[in-house]
Amino acid sequence: MKLAILGITVIALAGCQSFDNSPARLLHPVEECSMVDVPVYGMVNRPASSGEVLGGAIIGGLIGNQFGNGDGKTAMTALGAIVGGSSGGERKTERVIVSYTKERRCTTVYR
């Protein structure tokens, strides 16, 4: 039994060996370069969408509904909807990609 275990161990260890008996190689750094697209950003001032206005009115109405009693609660809900819709309807300034430029990028690899 011990001999069988010893034989299996020797076979298993032999399977882990690399059969490449070539000498070690010295790897040299090589610079690899390629052209990549780099985005160019600009600012755009756009009008609000109808969804943004509607969303602002709904959120404003929900917040306004938390205040007041009776008819005052209804008035605060309406006022919140008006203010929310107004602030949701303001023009938006966004950073967007307006074009791309080509740029040479290099990395060092070892071969």
PDB file of N, CA and C in Angstrom:
ATOM      1  N   MET A   1       0.825  -1.189   0.000  1.00  0.00           N
ATOM      2  CA  MET A   1       0.000   0.000   0.000  1.00  0.00           C
ATOM      3  C   MET A   1       0.866   1.248   0.000  1.00  0.00           C
ATOM      4  N   LYS A   2       1.908   1.248   0.844  1.00  0.00           N
ATOM      5  CA  LYS A   2       2.810   2.395   0.879  1.00  0.00           C
ATOM      6  C   LYS A   2       3.508   2.576  -0.460  1.00  0.00           C
ATOM      7  N   LEU A   3       3.841   1.481  -1.093  1.00  0.00           N
ATOM      8  CA  LEU A   3       4.509   1.538  -2.380  1.00  0.00           C
ATOM      9  C   LEU A   3       3.586   2.146  -3.447  1.00  0.00           C
ATOM     10  N   ALA A   4       2.303   1.826  -3.391  1.00  0.00           N
ATOM     11  CA  ALA A   4       1.330   2.370  -4.348  1.00  0.00           C
ATOM     12  C   ALA A   4       1.190   3.874  -4.159  1.00  0.00           C
ATOM     13  N   ILE A   5       1.116   4.326  -2.913  1.00  0.00           N
ATOM     14  CA  ILE A   5       0.998   5.761  -2.627  1.00  0.00           C
ATOM     15  C   ILE A   5       2.263   6.485  -3.080  1.00  0.00           C
ATOM     16  N   LEU A   6       3.418   5.896  -2.831  1.00  0.00           N
ATOM     17  CA  LEU A   6       4.683   6.479  -3.255  1.00  0.00           C
ATOM     18  C   LEU A   6       4.735   6.578  -4.776  1.00  0.00           C
ATOM     19  N   GLY A   7       4.271   5.556  -5.478  1.00  0.00           N
ATOM     20  CA  GLY A   7       4.263   5.566  -6.944  1.00  0.00           C
ATOM     21  C   GLY A   7       3.342   6.637  -7.496  1.00  0.00           C
ATOM     22  N   ILE A   8       2.171   6.793  -6.904  1.00  0.00           N
ATOM     23  CA  ILE A   8       1.216   7.822  -7.353  1.00  0.00           C
ATOM     24  C   ILE A   8       1.793   9.210  -7.100  1.00  0.00           C
ATOM     25  N   THR A   9       2.457   9.408  -5.970  1.00  0.00           N
ATOM     26  CA  THR A   9       3.070  10.692  -5.640  1.00  0.00           C
ATOM     27  C   THR A   9       4.164  11.047  -6.641  1.00  0.00           C
ATOM     28  N   VAL A  10       5.008  10.077  -6.999  1.00  0.00           N
ATOM     29  CA  VAL A  10       6.084  10.315  -7.956  1.00  0.00           C
ATOM     30  C   VAL A  10       5.504  10.672  -9.318  1.00  0.00           C
ATOM     31  N   ILE A  11       4.457   9.985  -9.739  1.00  0.00           N
ATOM     32  CA  ILE A  11       3.826  10.269 -11.035  1.00  0.00           C
ATOM     33  C   ILE A  11       3.198  11.667 -11.015  1.00  0.00           C
ATOM     34  N   ALA A  12       2.539  12.020  -9.911  1.00  0.00           N
ATOM     35  CA  ALA A  12       1.899  13.324  -9.804  1.00  0.00           C
ATOM     36  C   ALA A  12       2.933  14.444  -9.846  1.00  0.00           C
ATOM     37  N   LEU A  13       4.050  14.255  -9.135  1.00  0.00           N
ATOM     38  CA  LEU A  13       5.097  15.274  -9.141  1.00  0.00           C
ATOM     39  C   LEU A  13       5.784  15.368 -10.494  1.00  0.00           C
ATOM     40  N   ALA A  14       5.918  14.274 -11.176  1.00  0.00           N
ATOM     41  CA  ALA A  14       6.531  14.287 -12.496  1.00  0.00           C
ATOM     42  C   ALA A  14       5.653  15.046 -13.485  1.00  0.00           C
ATOM     43  N   GLY A  15       4.354  14.981 -13.297  1.00  0.00           N
ATOM     44  CA  GLY A  15       3.433  15.703 -14.163  1.00  0.00           C
ATOM     45  C   GLY A  15       3.495  17.204 -13.952  1.00  0.00           C
ATOM     46  N   CYS A  16       3.994  17.659 -12.816  1.00  0.00           N
ATOM     47  CA  CYS A  16       4.097  19.083 -12.515  1.00  0.00           C
ATOM     48  C   CYS A  16       5.350  19.701 -13.111  1.00  0.00           C
ATOM     49  N   GLN A  17       6.292  18.897 -13.544  1.00  0.00           N
ATOM     50  CA  GLN A  17       7.533  19.429 -14.085  1.00  0.00           C
ATOM     51  C   GLN A  17       7.320  19.986 -15.472  1.00  0.00           C
ATOM     52  N   SER A  18       8.099  20.996 -15.792  1.00  0.00           N
ATOM     53  CA  SER A  18       8.099  21.550 -17.135  1.00  0.00           C
ATOM     54  C   SER A  18       9.142  20.787 -17.937  1.00  0.00           C
ATOM     55  N   PHE A  19       8.795  20.422 -19.158  1.00  0.00           N
ATOM     56  CA  PHE A  19       9.736  19.679 -19.983  1.00  0.00           C
ATOM     57  C   PHE A  19      10.545  20.608 -20.882  1.00  0.00           C
ATOM     58  N   ASP A  20      10.378  21.922 -20.691  1.00  0.00           N
ATOM     59  CA  ASP A  20      11.161  22.892 -21.453  1.00  0.00           C
ATOM     60  C   ASP A  20      12.486  23.075 -20.730  1.00  0.00           C
ATOM     61  N   ASN A  21      13.515  22.491 -21.248  1.00  0.00           N
ATOM     62  CA  ASN A  21      14.825  22.559 -20.606  1.00  0.00           C
ATOM     63  C   ASN A  21      15.703  23.645 -21.208  1.00  0.00           C
ATOM     64  N   SER A  22      15.090  24.583 -21.957  1.00  0.00           N
ATOM     65  CA  SER A  22      15.891  25.650 -22.541  1.00  0.00           C
ATOM     66  C   SER A  22      16.328  26.613 -21.433  1.00  0.00           C
ATOM     67  N   PRO A  23      17.446  27.286 -21.623  1.00  0.00           N
ATOM     68  CA  PRO A  23      17.938  28.194 -20.591  1.00  0.00           C
ATOM     69  C   PRO A  23      17.029  29.406 -20.437  1.00  0.00           C
ATOM     70  N   ALA A  24      17.179  30.090 -19.331  1.00  0.00           N
ATOM     71  CA  ALA A  24      16.397  31.297 -19.073  1.00  0.00           C
ATOM     72  C   ALA A  24      16.729  32.357 -20.119  1.00  0.00           C
ATOM     73  N   ARG A  25      15.732  33.151 -20.487  1.00  0.00           N
ATOM     74  CA  ARG A  25      15.957  34.208 -21.462  1.00  0.00           C
ATOM     75  C   ARG A  25      15.830  35.559 -20.772  1.00  0.00           C
ATOM     76  N   LEU A  26      16.635  36.500 -21.174  1.00  0.00           N
ATOM     77  CA  LEU A  26      16.553  37.858 -20.675  1.00  0.00           C
ATOM     78  C   LEU A  26      15.529  38.605 -21.517  1.00  0.00           C
ATOM     79  N   LEU A  27      14.510  39.155 -20.872  1.00  0.00           N
ATOM     80  CA  LEU A  27      13.471  39.895 -21.588  1.00  0.00           C
ATOM     81  C   LEU A  27      13.917  41.348 -21.730  1.00  0.00           C
ATOM     82  N   HIS A  28      13.687  41.905 -22.909  1.00  0.00           N
ATOM     83  CA  HIS A  28      14.082  43.278 -23.191  1.00  0.00           C
ATOM     84  C   HIS A  28      12.839  44.154 -23.300  1.00  0.00           C
ATOM     85  N   PRO A  29      12.925  45.385 -22.778  1.00  0.00           N
ATOM     86  CA  PRO A  29      11.765  46.281 -22.907  1.00  0.00           C
ATOM     87  C   PRO A  29      11.604  46.743 -24.347  1.00  0.00           C
ATOM     88  N   VAL A  30      10.365  46.715 -24.810  1.00  0.00           N
ATOM     89  CA  VAL A  30      10.030  47.165 -26.155  1.00  0.00           C
ATOM     90  C   VAL A  30       8.866  48.139 -26.012  1.00  0.00           C
ATOM     91  N   GLU A  31       8.966  49.266 -26.694  1.00  0.00           N
ATOM     92  CA  GLU A  31       7.891  50.243 -26.643  1.00  0.00           C
ATOM     93  C   GLU A  31       6.910  49.975 -27.778  1.00  0.00           C
ATOM     94  N   GLU A  32       5.636  49.767 -27.421  1.00  0.00           N
ATOM     95  CA  GLU A  32       4.581  49.557 -28.413  1.00  0.00           C
ATOM     96  C   GLU A  32       3.680  50.784 -28.411  1.00  0.00           C
ATOM     97  N   CYS A  33       3.459  51.339 -29.586  1.00  0.00           N
ATOM     98  CA  CYS A  33       2.650  52.550 -29.702  1.00  0.00           C
ATOM     99  C   CYS A  33       1.460  52.301 -30.624  1.00  0.00           C
ATOM    100  N   SER A  34       0.389  53.028 -30.361  1.00  0.00           N
ATOM    101  CA  SER A  34      -0.790  52.960 -31.223  1.00  0.00           C
ATOM    102  C   SER A  34      -1.506  54.302 -31.175  1.00  0.00           C
ATOM    103  N   MET A  35      -2.344  54.543 -32.166  1.00  0.00           N
ATOM    104  CA  MET A  35      -3.140  55.757 -32.215  1.00  0.00           C
ATOM    105  C   MET A  35      -4.495  55.470 -31.561  1.00  0.00           C
ATOM    106  N   VAL A  36      -4.901  56.354 -30.650  1.00  0.00           N
ATOM    107  CA  VAL A  36      -6.178  56.186 -29.961  1.00  0.00           C
ATOM    108  C   VAL A  36      -7.022  57.447 -30.137  1.00  0.00           C
ATOM    109  N   ASP A  37      -8.333  57.278 -30.056  1.00  0.00           N
ATOM    110  CA  ASP A  37      -9.252  58.421 -30.114  1.00  0.00           C
ATOM    111  C   ASP A  37      -9.399  59.008 -28.715  1.00  0.00           C
ATOM    112  N   VAL A  38      -9.179  60.311 -28.592  1.00  0.00           N
ATOM    113  CA  VAL A  38      -9.313  61.016 -27.325  1.00  0.00           C
ATOM    114  C   VAL A  38     -10.477  61.992 -27.457  1.00  0.00           C
ATOM    115  N   PRO A  39     -11.468  61.921 -26.560  1.00  0.00           N
ATOM    116  CA  PRO A  39     -12.619  62.818 -26.681  1.00  0.00           C
ATOM    117  C   PRO A  39     -12.258  64.269 -26.361  1.00  0.00           C
ATOM    118  N   VAL A  40     -12.898  65.190 -27.089  1.00  0.00           N
ATOM    119  CA  VAL A  40     -12.783  66.620 -26.833  1.00  0.00           C
ATOM    120  C   VAL A  40     -14.141  67.059 -26.280  1.00  0.00           C
ATOM    121  N   TYR A  41     -14.133  67.671 -25.099  1.00  0.00           N
ATOM    122  CA  TYR A  41     -15.377  68.046 -24.428  1.00  0.00           C
ATOM    123  C   TYR A  41     -15.718  69.510 -24.658  1.00  0.00           C
ATOM    124  N   GLY A  42     -17.006  69.802 -24.684  1.00  0.00           N
ATOM    125  CA  GLY A  42     -17.506  71.166 -24.792  1.00  0.00           C
ATOM    126  C   GLY A  42     -18.750  71.299 -23.934  1.00  0.00           C
ATOM    127  N   MET A  43     -19.217  72.533 -23.766  1.00  0.00           N
ATOM    128  CA  MET A  43     -20.414  72.797 -22.964  1.00  0.00           C
ATOM    129  C   MET A  43     -21.587  73.103 -23.892  1.00  0.00           C
ATOM    130  N   VAL A  44     -22.761  72.572 -23.561  1.00  0.00           N
ATOM    131  CA  VAL A  44     -23.975  72.793 -24.335  1.00  0.00           C
ATOM    132  C   VAL A  44     -25.036  73.327 -23.387  1.00  0.00           C
ATOM    133  N   ASN A  45     -25.715  74.400 -23.805  1.00  0.00           N
ATOM    134  CA  ASN A  45     -26.815  74.963 -23.030  1.00  0.00           C
ATOM    135  C   ASN A  45     -28.096  74.598 -23.769  1.00  0.00           C
ATOM    136  N   ARG A  46     -28.915  73.740 -23.167  1.00  0.00           N
ATOM    137  CA  ARG A  46     -30.106  73.223 -23.857  1.00  0.00           C
ATOM    138  C   ARG A  46     -31.359  73.501 -23.048  1.00  0.00           C
ATOM    139  N   PRO A  47     -32.517  73.549 -23.706  1.00  0.00           N
ATOM    140  CA  PRO A  47     -33.765  73.708 -22.968  1.00  0.00           C
ATOM    141  C   PRO A  47     -34.132  72.421 -22.242  1.00  0.00           C
ATOM    142  N   ALA A  48     -34.946  72.565 -21.216  1.00  0.00           N
ATOM    143  CA  ALA A  48     -35.394  71.401 -20.454  1.00  0.00           C
ATOM    144  C   ALA A  48     -36.394  70.598 -21.282  1.00  0.00           C
ATOM    145  N   SER A  49     -36.409  69.301 -21.057  1.00  0.00           N
ATOM    146  CA  SER A  49     -37.379  68.449 -21.745  1.00  0.00           C
ATOM    147  C   SER A  49     -38.704  68.494 -20.991  1.00  0.00           C
ATOM    148  N   SER A  50     -39.766  68.072 -21.650  1.00  0.00           N
ATOM    149  CA  SER A  50     -41.079  68.068 -20.993  1.00  0.00           C
ATOM    150  C   SER A  50     -41.097  67.083 -19.825  1.00  0.00           C
ATOM    151  N   GLY A  51     -40.309  66.012 -19.925  1.00  0.00           N
ATOM    152  CA  GLY A  51     -40.221  65.060 -18.812  1.00  0.00           C
ATOM    153  C   GLY A  51     -39.584  65.676 -17.578  1.00  0.00           C
ATOM    154  N   GLU A  52     -38.583  66.539 -17.784  1.00  0.00           N
ATOM    155  CA  GLU A  52     -37.955  67.212 -16.643  1.00  0.00           C
ATOM    156  C   GLU A  52     -38.918  68.195 -15.986  1.00  0.00           C
ATOM    157  N   VAL A  53     -39.710  68.910 -16.797  1.00  0.00           N
ATOM    158  CA  VAL A  53     -40.701  69.841 -16.255  1.00  0.00           C
ATOM    159  C   VAL A  53     -41.770  69.073 -15.479  1.00  0.00           C
ATOM    160  N   LEU A  54     -42.286  68.001 -16.058  1.00  0.00           N
ATOM    161  CA  LEU A  54     -43.319  67.193 -15.397  1.00  0.00           C
ATOM    162  C   LEU A  54     -42.780  66.570 -14.110  1.00  0.00           C
ATOM    163  N   GLY A  55     -41.554  66.039 -14.160  1.00  0.00           N
ATOM    164  CA  GLY A  55     -40.950  65.458 -12.961  1.00  0.00           C
ATOM    165  C   GLY A  55     -40.786  66.491 -11.862  1.00  0.00           C
ATOM    166  N   GLY A  56     -40.346  67.705 -12.225  1.00  0.00           N
ATOM    167  CA  GLY A  56     -40.211  68.777 -11.231  1.00  0.00           C
ATOM    168  C   GLY A  56     -41.547  69.143 -10.618  1.00  0.00           C
ATOM    169  N   ALA A  57     -42.601  69.190 -11.432  1.00  0.00           N
ATOM    170  CA  ALA A  57     -43.934  69.520 -10.929  1.00  0.00           C
ATOM    171  C   ALA A  57     -44.439  68.433  -9.979  1.00  0.00           C
ATOM    172  N   ILE A  58     -44.220  67.184 -10.304  1.00  0.00           N
ATOM    173  CA  ILE A  58     -44.666  66.082  -9.440  1.00  0.00           C
ATOM    174  C   ILE A  58     -43.923  66.106  -8.115  1.00  0.00           C
ATOM    175  N   ILE A  59     -42.622  66.249  -8.172  1.00  0.00           N
ATOM    176  CA  ILE A  59     -41.835  66.272  -6.927  1.00  0.00           C
ATOM    177  C   ILE A  59     -42.187  67.503  -6.096  1.00  0.00           C
ATOM    178  N   GLY A  60     -42.343  68.658  -6.746  1.00  0.00           N
ATOM    179  CA  GLY A  60     -42.736  69.871  -6.026  1.00  0.00           C
ATOM    180  C   GLY A  60     -44.103  69.721  -5.376  1.00  0.00           C
ATOM    181  N   GLY A  61     -45.028  69.106  -6.093  1.00  0.00           N
ATOM    182  CA  GLY A  61     -46.355  68.874  -5.521  1.00  0.00           C
ATOM    183  C   GLY A  61     -46.313  67.933  -4.322  1.00  0.00           C
ATOM    184  N   LEU A  62     -45.492  66.885  -4.415  1.00  0.00           N
ATOM    185  CA  LEU A  62     -45.369  65.957  -3.284  1.00  0.00           C
ATOM    186  C   LEU A  62     -44.763  66.638  -2.068  1.00  0.00           C
ATOM    187  N   ILE A  63     -43.776  67.490  -2.291  1.00  0.00           N
ATOM    188  CA  ILE A  63     -43.163  68.201  -1.163  1.00  0.00           C
ATOM    189  C   ILE A  63     -44.141  69.225  -0.593  1.00  0.00           C
ATOM    190  N   GLY A  64     -44.826  69.984  -1.467  1.00  0.00           N
ATOM    191  CA  GLY A  64     -45.794  70.979  -1.007  1.00  0.00           C
ATOM    192  C   GLY A  64     -46.948  70.359  -0.243  1.00  0.00           C
ATOM    193  N   ASN A  65     -47.317  69.133  -0.587  1.00  0.00           N
ATOM    194  CA  ASN A  65     -48.411  68.425   0.082  1.00  0.00           C
ATOM    195  C   ASN A  65     -48.089  68.108   1.547  1.00  0.00           C
ATOM    196  N   GLN A  66     -46.833  68.198   1.933  1.00  0.00           N
ATOM    197  CA  GLN A  66     -46.440  67.902   3.313  1.00  0.00           C
ATOM    198  C   GLN A  66     -46.729  69.071   4.261  1.00  0.00           C
ATOM    199  N   PHE A  67     -47.090  70.225   3.710  1.00  0.00           N
ATOM    200  CA  PHE A  67     -47.292  71.421   4.521  1.00  0.00           C
ATOM    201  C   PHE A  67     -48.744  71.886   4.454  1.00  0.00           C
ATOM    202  N   GLY A  68     -49.190  72.606   5.472  1.00  0.00           N
ATOM    203  CA  GLY A  68     -50.528  73.184   5.509  1.00  0.00           C
ATOM    204  C   GLY A  68     -51.576  72.191   5.983  1.00  0.00           C
ATOM    205  N   ASN A  69     -52.788  72.754   6.265  1.00  0.00           N
ATOM    206  CA  ASN A  69     -53.941  71.959   6.700  1.00  0.00           C
ATOM    207  C   ASN A  69     -55.145  72.370   5.859  1.00  0.00           C
ATOM    208  N   GLY A  70     -56.039  71.447   5.566  1.00  0.00           N
ATOM    209  CA  GLY A  70     -57.275  71.749   4.844  1.00  0.00           C
ATOM    210  C   GLY A  70     -57.003  72.368   3.489  1.00  0.00           C
ATOM    211  N   ASP A  71     -57.625  73.565   3.252  1.00  0.00           N
ATOM    212  CA  ASP A  71     -57.434  74.261   1.980  1.00  0.00           C
ATOM    213  C   ASP A  71     -55.989  74.735   1.823  1.00  0.00           C
ATOM    214  N   GLY A  72     -55.324  74.993   2.931  1.00  0.00           N
ATOM    215  CA  GLY A  72     -53.915  75.404   2.888  1.00  0.00           C
ATOM    216  C   GLY A  72     -53.041  74.289   2.323  1.00  0.00           C
ATOM    217  N   LYS A  73     -53.409  73.049   2.628  1.00  0.00           N
ATOM    218  CA  LYS A  73     -52.658  71.900   2.109  1.00  0.00           C
ATOM    219  C   LYS A  73     -52.789  71.836   0.589  1.00  0.00           C
ATOM    220  N   THR A  74     -53.999  72.094   0.072  1.00  0.00           N
ATOM    221  CA  THR A  74     -54.225  72.093  -1.368  1.00  0.00           C
ATOM    222  C   THR A  74     -53.440  73.228  -2.029  1.00  0.00           C
ATOM    223  N   ALA A  75     -53.435  74.394  -1.383  1.00  0.00           N
ATOM    224  CA  ALA A  75     -52.713  75.541  -1.919  1.00  0.00           C
ATOM    225  C   ALA A  75     -51.209  75.269  -1.927  1.00  0.00           C
ATOM    226  N   MET A  76     -50.697  74.664  -0.878  1.00  0.00           N
ATOM    227  CA  MET A  76     -49.262  74.362  -0.809  1.00  0.00           C
ATOM    228  C   MET A  76     -48.880  73.306  -1.848  1.00  0.00           C
ATOM    229  N   THR A  77     -49.770  72.342  -2.095  1.00  0.00           N
ATOM    230  CA  THR A  77     -49.508  71.331  -3.119  1.00  0.00           C
ATOM    231  C   THR A  77     -49.430  71.995  -4.491  1.00  0.00           C
ATOM    232  N   ALA A  78     -50.382  72.893  -4.784  1.00  0.00           N
ATOM    233  CA  ALA A  78     -50.392  73.598  -6.073  1.00  0.00           C
ATOM    234  C   ALA A  78     -49.154  74.488  -6.199  1.00  0.00           C
ATOM    235  N   LEU A  79     -48.820  75.206  -5.127  1.00  0.00           N
ATOM    236  CA  LEU A  79     -47.640  76.072  -5.158  1.00  0.00           C
ATOM    237  C   LEU A  79     -46.364  75.247  -5.366  1.00  0.00           C
ATOM    238  N   GLY A  80     -46.259  74.097  -4.689  1.00  0.00           N
ATOM    239  CA  GLY A  80     -45.100  73.220  -4.850  1.00  0.00           C
ATOM    240  C   GLY A  80     -44.981  72.705  -6.280  1.00  0.00           C
ATOM    241  N   ALA A  81     -46.132  72.371  -6.893  1.00  0.00           N
ATOM    242  CA  ALA A  81     -46.125  71.884  -8.276  1.00  0.00           C
ATOM    243  C   ALA A  81     -45.677  72.984  -9.235  1.00  0.00           C
ATOM    244  N   ILE A  82     -46.128  74.219  -8.987  1.00  0.00           N
ATOM    245  CA  ILE A  82     -45.742  75.343  -9.857  1.00  0.00           C
ATOM    246  C   ILE A  82     -44.250  75.630  -9.729  1.00  0.00           C
ATOM    247  N   VAL A  83     -43.758  75.694  -8.491  1.00  0.00           N
ATOM    248  CA  VAL A  83     -42.338  75.980  -8.261  1.00  0.00           C
ATOM    249  C   VAL A  83     -41.471  74.835  -8.801  1.00  0.00           C
ATOM    250  N   GLY A  84     -41.883  73.599  -8.566  1.00  0.00           N
ATOM    251  CA  GLY A  84     -41.126  72.446  -9.053  1.00  0.00           C
ATOM    252  C   GLY A  84     -41.083  72.390 -10.567  1.00  0.00           C
ATOM    253  N   GLY A  85     -42.217  72.662 -11.217  1.00  0.00           N
ATOM    254  CA  GLY A  85     -42.257  72.680 -12.677  1.00  0.00           C
ATOM    255  C   GLY A  85     -41.412  73.806 -13.243  1.00  0.00           C
ATOM    256  N   SER A  86     -41.414  74.934 -12.555  1.00  0.00           N
ATOM    257  CA  SER A  86     -40.612  76.078 -13.003  1.00  0.00           C
ATOM    258  C   SER A  86     -39.118  75.788 -12.894  1.00  0.00           C
ATOM    259  N   SER A  87     -38.714  75.216 -11.769  1.00  0.00           N
ATOM    260  CA  SER A  87     -37.279  74.925 -11.611  1.00  0.00           C
ATOM    261  C   SER A  87     -36.861  73.756 -12.510  1.00  0.00           C
ATOM    262  N   GLY A  88     -37.777  72.832 -12.769  1.00  0.00           N
ATOM    263  CA  GLY A  88     -37.473  71.737 -13.694  1.00  0.00           C
ATOM    264  C   GLY A  88     -37.409  72.207 -15.137  1.00  0.00           C
ATOM    265  N   GLY A  89     -38.018  73.366 -15.427  1.00  0.00           N
ATOM    266  CA  GLY A  89     -38.051  73.895 -16.782  1.00  0.00           C
ATOM    267  C   GLY A  89     -36.900  74.816 -17.123  1.00  0.00           C
ATOM    268  N   GLU A  90     -35.964  75.018 -16.213  1.00  0.00           N
ATOM    269  CA  GLU A  90     -34.824  75.897 -16.495  1.00  0.00           C
ATOM    270  C   GLU A  90     -33.893  75.245 -17.517  1.00  0.00           C
ATOM    271  N   ARG A  91     -33.161  76.086 -18.245  1.00  0.00           N
ATOM    272  CA  ARG A  91     -32.204  75.579 -19.231  1.00  0.00           C
ATOM    273  C   ARG A  91     -31.093  74.823 -18.509  1.00  0.00           C
ATOM    274  N   LYS A  92     -30.574  73.807 -19.161  1.00  0.00           N
ATOM    275  CA  LYS A  92     -29.539  72.950 -18.581  1.00  0.00           C
ATOM    276  C   LYS A  92     -28.217  73.165 -19.309  1.00  0.00           C
ATOM    277  N   THR A  93     -27.132  73.238 -18.555  1.00  0.00           N
ATOM    278  CA  THR A  93     -25.795  73.307 -19.133  1.00  0.00           C
ATOM    279  C   THR A  93     -25.124  71.971 -18.860  1.00  0.00           C
ATOM    280  N   GLU A  94     -24.668  71.324 -19.930  1.00  0.00           N
ATOM    281  CA  GLU A  94     -24.075  69.993 -19.804  1.00  0.00           C
ATOM    282  C   GLU A  94     -22.731  69.931 -20.497  1.00  0.00           C
ATOM    283  N   ARG A  95     -21.875  69.080 -19.985  1.00  0.00           N
ATOM    284  CA  ARG A  95     -20.578  68.800 -20.609  1.00  0.00           C
ATOM    285  C   ARG A  95     -20.771  67.599 -21.534  1.00  0.00           C
ATOM    286  N   VAL A  96     -20.470  67.782 -22.819  1.00  0.00           N
ATOM    287  CA  VAL A  96     -20.677  66.724 -23.806  1.00  0.00           C
ATOM    288  C   VAL A  96     -19.431  66.571 -24.677  1.00  0.00           C
ATOM    289  N   ILE A  97     -19.312  65.420 -25.320  1.00  0.00           N
ATOM    290  CA  ILE A  97     -18.229  65.184 -26.270  1.00  0.00           C
ATOM    291  C   ILE A  97     -18.619  65.854 -27.589  1.00  0.00           C
ATOM    292  N   VAL A  98     -17.754  66.760 -28.071  1.00  0.00           N
ATOM    293  CA  VAL A  98     -18.065  67.460 -29.324  1.00  0.00           C
ATOM    294  C   VAL A  98     -17.263  66.918 -30.504  1.00  0.00           C
ATOM    295  N   SER A  99     -16.132  66.269 -30.234  1.00  0.00           N
ATOM    296  CA  SER A  99     -15.343  65.670 -31.306  1.00  0.00           C
ATOM    297  C   SER A  99     -14.288  64.751 -30.693  1.00  0.00           C
ATOM    298  N   TYR A 100     -13.481  64.171 -31.560  1.00  0.00           N
ATOM    299  CA  TYR A 100     -12.385  63.307 -31.126  1.00  0.00           C
ATOM    300  C   TYR A 100     -11.104  63.740 -31.822  1.00  0.00           C
ATOM    301  N   THR A 101      -9.984  63.573 -31.128  1.00  0.00           N
ATOM    302  CA  THR A 101      -8.683  63.801 -31.751  1.00  0.00           C
ATOM    303  C   THR A 101      -7.891  62.503 -31.657  1.00  0.00           C
ATOM    304  N   LYS A 102      -6.963  62.342 -32.579  1.00  0.00           N
ATOM    305  CA  LYS A 102      -6.091  61.166 -32.557  1.00  0.00           C
ATOM    306  C   LYS A 102      -4.859  61.505 -31.731  1.00  0.00           C
ATOM    307  N   GLU A 103      -4.456  60.565 -30.883  1.00  0.00           N
ATOM    308  CA  GLU A 103      -3.280  60.762 -30.057  1.00  0.00           C
ATOM    309  C   GLU A 103      -2.462  59.479 -30.038  1.00  0.00           C
ATOM    310  N   ARG A 104      -1.164  59.638 -30.074  1.00  0.00           N
ATOM    311  CA  ARG A 104      -0.262  58.478 -30.049  1.00  0.00           C
ATOM    312  C   ARG A 104       0.017  58.133 -28.590  1.00  0.00           C
ATOM    313  N   ARG A 105      -0.294  56.884 -28.200  1.00  0.00           N
ATOM    314  CA  ARG A 105      -0.053  56.410 -26.833  1.00  0.00           C
ATOM    315  C   ARG A 105       0.886  55.234 -26.890  1.00  0.00           C
ATOM    316  N   CYS A 106       1.861  55.207 -25.982  1.00  0.00           N
ATOM    317  CA  CYS A 106       2.857  54.150 -25.972  1.00  0.00           C
ATOM    318  C   CYS A 106       2.891  53.463 -24.615  1.00  0.00           C
ATOM    319  N   THR A 107       3.186  52.169 -24.633  1.00  0.00           N
ATOM    320  CA  THR A 107       3.375  51.376 -23.413  1.00  0.00           C
ATOM    321  C   THR A 107       4.624  50.530 -23.591  1.00  0.00           C
ATOM    322  N   THR A 108       5.212  50.142 -22.473  1.00  0.00           N
ATOM    323  CA  THR A 108       6.403  49.301 -22.512  1.00  0.00           C
ATOM    324  C   THR A 108       6.008  47.864 -22.191  1.00  0.00           C
ATOM    325  N   VAL A 109       6.402  46.959 -23.066  1.00  0.00           N
ATOM    326  CA  VAL A 109       6.188  45.523 -22.861  1.00  0.00           C
ATOM    327  C   VAL A 109       7.547  44.838 -22.876  1.00  0.00           C
ATOM    328  N   TYR A 110       7.621  43.685 -22.268  1.00  0.00           N
ATOM    329  CA  TYR A 110       8.886  42.937 -22.209  1.00  0.00           C
ATOM    330  C   TYR A 110       8.778  41.681 -23.063  1.00  0.00           C
ATOM    331  N   ARG A 111       9.756  41.523 -23.959  1.00  0.00           N
ATOM    332  CA  ARG A 111       9.781  40.352 -24.847  1.00  0.00           C
ATOM    333  C   ARG A 111      11.147  39.739 -24.817  1.00  0.00           C
TER     334      ARG A 111
END
